[in-house]
Amino acid sequence: MDKFAKLKGDNPYLKAEDEVVNKEEVSKPTIPTMDIPKGKETKKQMSLMFTPTHKKKAHRIAKKHDMSVSELFGYWLDQYDEEQ
């Protein structure tokens, strides 16, 4: 009794060898180049001390505007007029 007799006609792996030999060449998709601005400032780490209340408030404001606290603080600094 051949326990694999049922599988001989139904074996999905029988054609695998032919598929590997006859496979078509697939070209890689073209990836658009990213437009990275030159001269962009690099970020450096800095520690700031906030009270727990101010920290929560900063996170709430940043989340409301879909930005990080670092980006929010940077935005505030950019808006500040130093000649006052």
N, C-alpha and C. Protein backbone atom coordinates (compact mmCIF):
# COMPACT_ATOMS: atom_id res chain seq x y z
N MET A 1 0.84 -1.19 0.00
CA MET A 1 0.00 0.00 0.00
C MET A 1 0.88 1.25 0.00
N ASP A 2 0.66 2.08 -0.97
CA ASP A 2 1.43 3.32 -1.09
C ASP A 2 0.64 4.46 -0.45
N LYS A 3 1.15 4.96 0.68
CA LYS A 3 0.39 6.00 1.39
C LYS A 3 0.44 7.35 0.67
N PHE A 4 1.31 7.50 -0.33
CA PHE A 4 1.39 8.75 -1.08
C PHE A 4 0.70 8.65 -2.44
N ALA A 5 0.00 7.57 -2.68
CA ALA A 5 -0.64 7.35 -3.98
C ALA A 5 -1.66 8.45 -4.28
N LYS A 6 -2.37 8.90 -3.26
CA LYS A 6 -3.38 9.94 -3.48
C LYS A 6 -2.75 11.26 -3.90
N LEU A 7 -1.54 11.52 -3.45
CA LEU A 7 -0.91 12.81 -3.69
C LEU A 7 -0.21 12.91 -5.04
N LYS A 8 0.05 11.80 -5.69
CA LYS A 8 0.85 11.84 -6.91
C LYS A 8 0.24 12.72 -7.99
N GLY A 9 -1.03 12.68 -8.17
CA GLY A 9 -1.66 13.51 -9.19
C GLY A 9 -1.97 14.92 -8.70
N ASP A 10 -2.03 15.09 -7.41
CA ASP A 10 -2.45 16.35 -6.81
C ASP A 10 -1.30 17.14 -6.20
N ASN A 11 -0.09 16.69 -6.35
CA ASN A 11 1.04 17.33 -5.67
C ASN A 11 1.31 18.70 -6.29
N PRO A 12 1.14 19.76 -5.52
CA PRO A 12 1.36 21.11 -6.06
C PRO A 12 2.84 21.42 -6.29
N TYR A 13 3.73 20.60 -5.76
CA TYR A 13 5.16 20.86 -5.88
C TYR A 13 5.80 20.20 -7.09
N LEU A 14 5.03 19.39 -7.84
CA LEU A 14 5.59 18.72 -9.01
C LEU A 14 6.02 19.71 -10.09
N LYS A 15 5.29 20.81 -10.22
CA LYS A 15 5.61 21.79 -11.26
C LYS A 15 6.64 22.82 -10.80
N ALA A 16 7.07 22.75 -9.57
CA ALA A 16 7.98 23.77 -9.03
C ALA A 16 9.29 23.84 -9.81
N GLU A 17 9.83 22.69 -10.19
CA GLU A 17 11.10 22.68 -10.92
C GLU A 17 10.95 23.38 -12.27
N ASP A 18 9.85 23.12 -12.98
CA ASP A 18 9.61 23.78 -14.26
C ASP A 18 9.39 25.28 -14.07
N GLU A 19 8.70 25.66 -13.00
CA GLU A 19 8.44 27.07 -12.75
C GLU A 19 9.73 27.84 -12.49
N VAL A 20 10.66 27.22 -11.79
CA VAL A 20 11.94 27.87 -11.50
C VAL A 20 12.73 28.08 -12.78
N VAL A 21 12.73 27.10 -13.66
CA VAL A 21 13.47 27.19 -14.91
C VAL A 21 12.82 28.21 -15.85
N ASN A 22 11.51 28.24 -15.90
CA ASN A 22 10.79 29.08 -16.85
C ASN A 22 10.35 30.43 -16.27
N LYS A 23 10.85 30.79 -15.13
CA LYS A 23 10.37 32.03 -14.51
C LYS A 23 10.80 33.25 -15.33
N GLU A 24 9.96 34.26 -15.31
CA GLU A 24 10.25 35.48 -16.04
C GLU A 24 11.10 36.40 -15.18
N GLU A 25 11.89 37.19 -15.84
CA GLU A 25 12.74 38.16 -15.14
C GLU A 25 11.86 39.35 -14.75
N VAL A 26 11.92 39.74 -13.49
CA VAL A 26 11.12 40.85 -13.00
C VAL A 26 12.05 42.03 -12.77
N SER A 27 11.68 43.17 -13.35
CA SER A 27 12.53 44.35 -13.17
C SER A 27 12.16 45.05 -11.88
N LYS A 28 13.14 45.69 -11.28
CA LYS A 28 12.90 46.43 -10.05
C LYS A 28 12.17 47.73 -10.37
N PRO A 29 11.27 48.15 -9.49
CA PRO A 29 10.58 49.42 -9.74
C PRO A 29 11.54 50.59 -9.60
N THR A 30 11.27 51.64 -10.33
CA THR A 30 12.11 52.82 -10.22
C THR A 30 11.70 53.59 -8.96
N ILE A 31 12.67 53.93 -8.17
CA ILE A 31 12.43 54.65 -6.93
C ILE A 31 12.77 56.12 -7.16
N PRO A 32 11.81 57.00 -6.93
CA PRO A 32 12.12 58.42 -7.15
C PRO A 32 13.16 58.91 -6.15
N THR A 33 14.01 59.80 -6.60
CA THR A 33 15.03 60.33 -5.71
C THR A 33 14.39 61.31 -4.74
N MET A 34 14.89 61.32 -3.53
CA MET A 34 14.37 62.24 -2.52
C MET A 34 15.05 63.59 -2.66
N ASP A 35 14.28 64.62 -2.54
CA ASP A 35 14.80 65.97 -2.62
C ASP A 35 15.17 66.43 -1.21
N ILE A 36 16.41 66.18 -0.82
CA ILE A 36 16.88 66.55 0.52
C ILE A 36 17.56 67.90 0.41
N PRO A 37 17.04 68.89 1.12
CA PRO A 37 17.65 70.22 1.03
C PRO A 37 19.07 70.23 1.59
N LYS A 38 19.95 70.93 0.90
CA LYS A 38 21.33 71.04 1.34
C LYS A 38 21.43 72.14 2.39
N GLY A 39 22.36 71.99 3.30
CA GLY A 39 22.60 73.02 4.31
C GLY A 39 21.60 73.00 5.45
N LYS A 40 20.86 71.92 5.61
CA LYS A 40 19.90 71.83 6.69
C LYS A 40 20.66 71.70 8.01
N GLU A 41 20.17 72.39 9.02
CA GLU A 41 20.84 72.34 10.31
C GLU A 41 20.73 70.95 10.92
N THR A 42 21.80 70.51 11.53
CA THR A 42 21.74 69.24 12.24
C THR A 42 21.25 69.49 13.65
N LYS A 43 20.59 68.51 14.21
CA LYS A 43 20.04 68.65 15.55
C LYS A 43 21.05 68.13 16.56
N LYS A 44 21.15 68.84 17.66
CA LYS A 44 22.01 68.43 18.77
C LYS A 44 21.13 68.24 20.00
N GLN A 45 21.51 67.31 20.84
CA GLN A 45 20.72 67.04 22.03
C GLN A 45 20.93 68.12 23.09
N MET A 46 19.84 68.46 23.79
CA MET A 46 19.89 69.47 24.84
C MET A 46 18.88 69.07 25.91
N SER A 47 19.22 69.25 27.16
CA SER A 47 18.30 68.91 28.24
C SER A 47 17.66 70.17 28.79
N LEU A 48 16.36 70.12 28.98
CA LEU A 48 15.62 71.22 29.59
C LEU A 48 14.85 70.66 30.78
N MET A 49 14.77 71.44 31.83
CA MET A 49 14.07 71.00 33.03
C MET A 49 12.69 71.64 33.07
N PHE A 50 11.64 70.82 33.13
CA PHE A 50 10.26 71.29 33.23
C PHE A 50 9.63 70.70 34.47
N THR A 51 8.66 71.42 35.03
CA THR A 51 7.86 70.84 36.11
C THR A 51 6.97 69.78 35.48
N PRO A 52 6.50 68.82 36.25
CA PRO A 52 5.62 67.80 35.67
C PRO A 52 4.38 68.40 34.99
N THR A 53 3.85 69.49 35.56
CA THR A 53 2.68 70.14 34.96
C THR A 53 3.03 70.74 33.61
N HIS A 54 4.17 71.43 33.53
CA HIS A 54 4.59 72.03 32.27
C HIS A 54 4.91 70.96 31.23
N LYS A 55 5.47 69.86 31.67
CA LYS A 55 5.80 68.76 30.76
C LYS A 55 4.53 68.18 30.14
N LYS A 56 3.51 67.95 30.97
CA LYS A 56 2.23 67.43 30.46
C LYS A 56 1.59 68.42 29.49
N LYS A 57 1.65 69.70 29.86
CA LYS A 57 1.05 70.73 29.02
C LYS A 57 1.76 70.80 27.66
N ALA A 58 3.09 70.73 27.68
CA ALA A 58 3.86 70.76 26.43
C ALA A 58 3.50 69.58 25.55
N HIS A 59 3.36 68.39 26.15
CA HIS A 59 2.99 67.20 25.38
C HIS A 59 1.58 67.35 24.79
N ARG A 60 0.65 67.90 25.56
CA ARG A 60 -0.72 68.11 25.07
C ARG A 60 -0.74 69.07 23.89
N ILE A 61 -0.02 70.20 24.01
CA ILE A 61 0.01 71.20 22.94
C ILE A 61 0.66 70.61 21.68
N ALA A 62 1.77 69.90 21.86
CA ALA A 62 2.47 69.30 20.72
C ALA A 62 1.59 68.27 20.03
N LYS A 63 0.91 67.43 20.82
CA LYS A 63 0.05 66.40 20.25
C LYS A 63 -1.11 67.04 19.49
N LYS A 64 -1.66 68.13 20.04
CA LYS A 64 -2.77 68.84 19.39
C LYS A 64 -2.37 69.34 18.00
N HIS A 65 -1.12 69.74 17.84
CA HIS A 65 -0.63 70.27 16.57
C HIS A 65 0.15 69.25 15.76
N ASP A 66 0.10 67.98 16.18
CA ASP A 66 0.75 66.87 15.47
C ASP A 66 2.24 67.13 15.26
N MET A 67 2.93 67.43 16.36
CA MET A 67 4.37 67.63 16.31
C MET A 67 4.98 67.16 17.62
N SER A 68 6.29 67.06 17.65
CA SER A 68 6.97 66.68 18.89
C SER A 68 7.17 67.91 19.75
N VAL A 69 7.49 67.69 21.02
CA VAL A 69 7.76 68.81 21.93
C VAL A 69 8.99 69.57 21.44
N SER A 70 9.96 68.86 20.91
CA SER A 70 11.16 69.50 20.37
C SER A 70 10.81 70.43 19.21
N GLU A 71 9.96 69.95 18.30
CA GLU A 71 9.54 70.79 17.17
C GLU A 71 8.73 71.99 17.65
N LEU A 72 7.89 71.78 18.66
CA LEU A 72 7.09 72.87 19.22
C LEU A 72 7.98 73.94 19.83
N PHE A 73 8.96 73.52 20.61
CA PHE A 73 9.87 74.47 21.23
C PHE A 73 10.68 75.22 20.16
N GLY A 74 11.13 74.50 19.13
CA GLY A 74 11.85 75.13 18.03
C GLY A 74 10.99 76.15 17.30
N TYR A 75 9.70 75.83 17.12
CA TYR A 75 8.78 76.77 16.47
C TYR A 75 8.65 78.03 17.30
N TRP A 76 8.49 77.87 18.62
CA TRP A 76 8.38 79.04 19.49
C TRP A 76 9.64 79.90 19.41
N LEU A 77 10.80 79.27 19.37
CA LEU A 77 12.05 80.03 19.27
C LEU A 77 12.14 80.78 17.95
N ASP A 78 11.68 80.15 16.87
CA ASP A 78 11.70 80.82 15.56
C ASP A 78 10.76 82.02 15.52
N GLN A 79 9.68 81.97 16.29
CA GLN A 79 8.71 83.06 16.29
C GLN A 79 9.12 84.23 17.19
N TYR A 80 10.07 84.00 18.08
CA TYR A 80 10.48 85.02 19.04
C TYR A 80 11.27 86.12 18.34
N ASP A 81 10.89 87.36 18.59
CA ASP A 81 11.57 88.51 18.01
C ASP A 81 12.66 88.95 18.99
N GLU A 82 13.91 88.78 18.62
CA GLU A 82 15.02 89.08 19.54
C GLU A 82 15.28 90.56 19.71
N GLU A 83 14.67 91.40 18.92
CA GLU A 83 14.96 92.83 19.00
C GLU A 83 13.98 93.58 19.88
N GLN A 84 13.27 92.94 20.74
CA GLN A 84 12.34 93.63 21.63
C GLN A 84 13.07 94.23 22.80
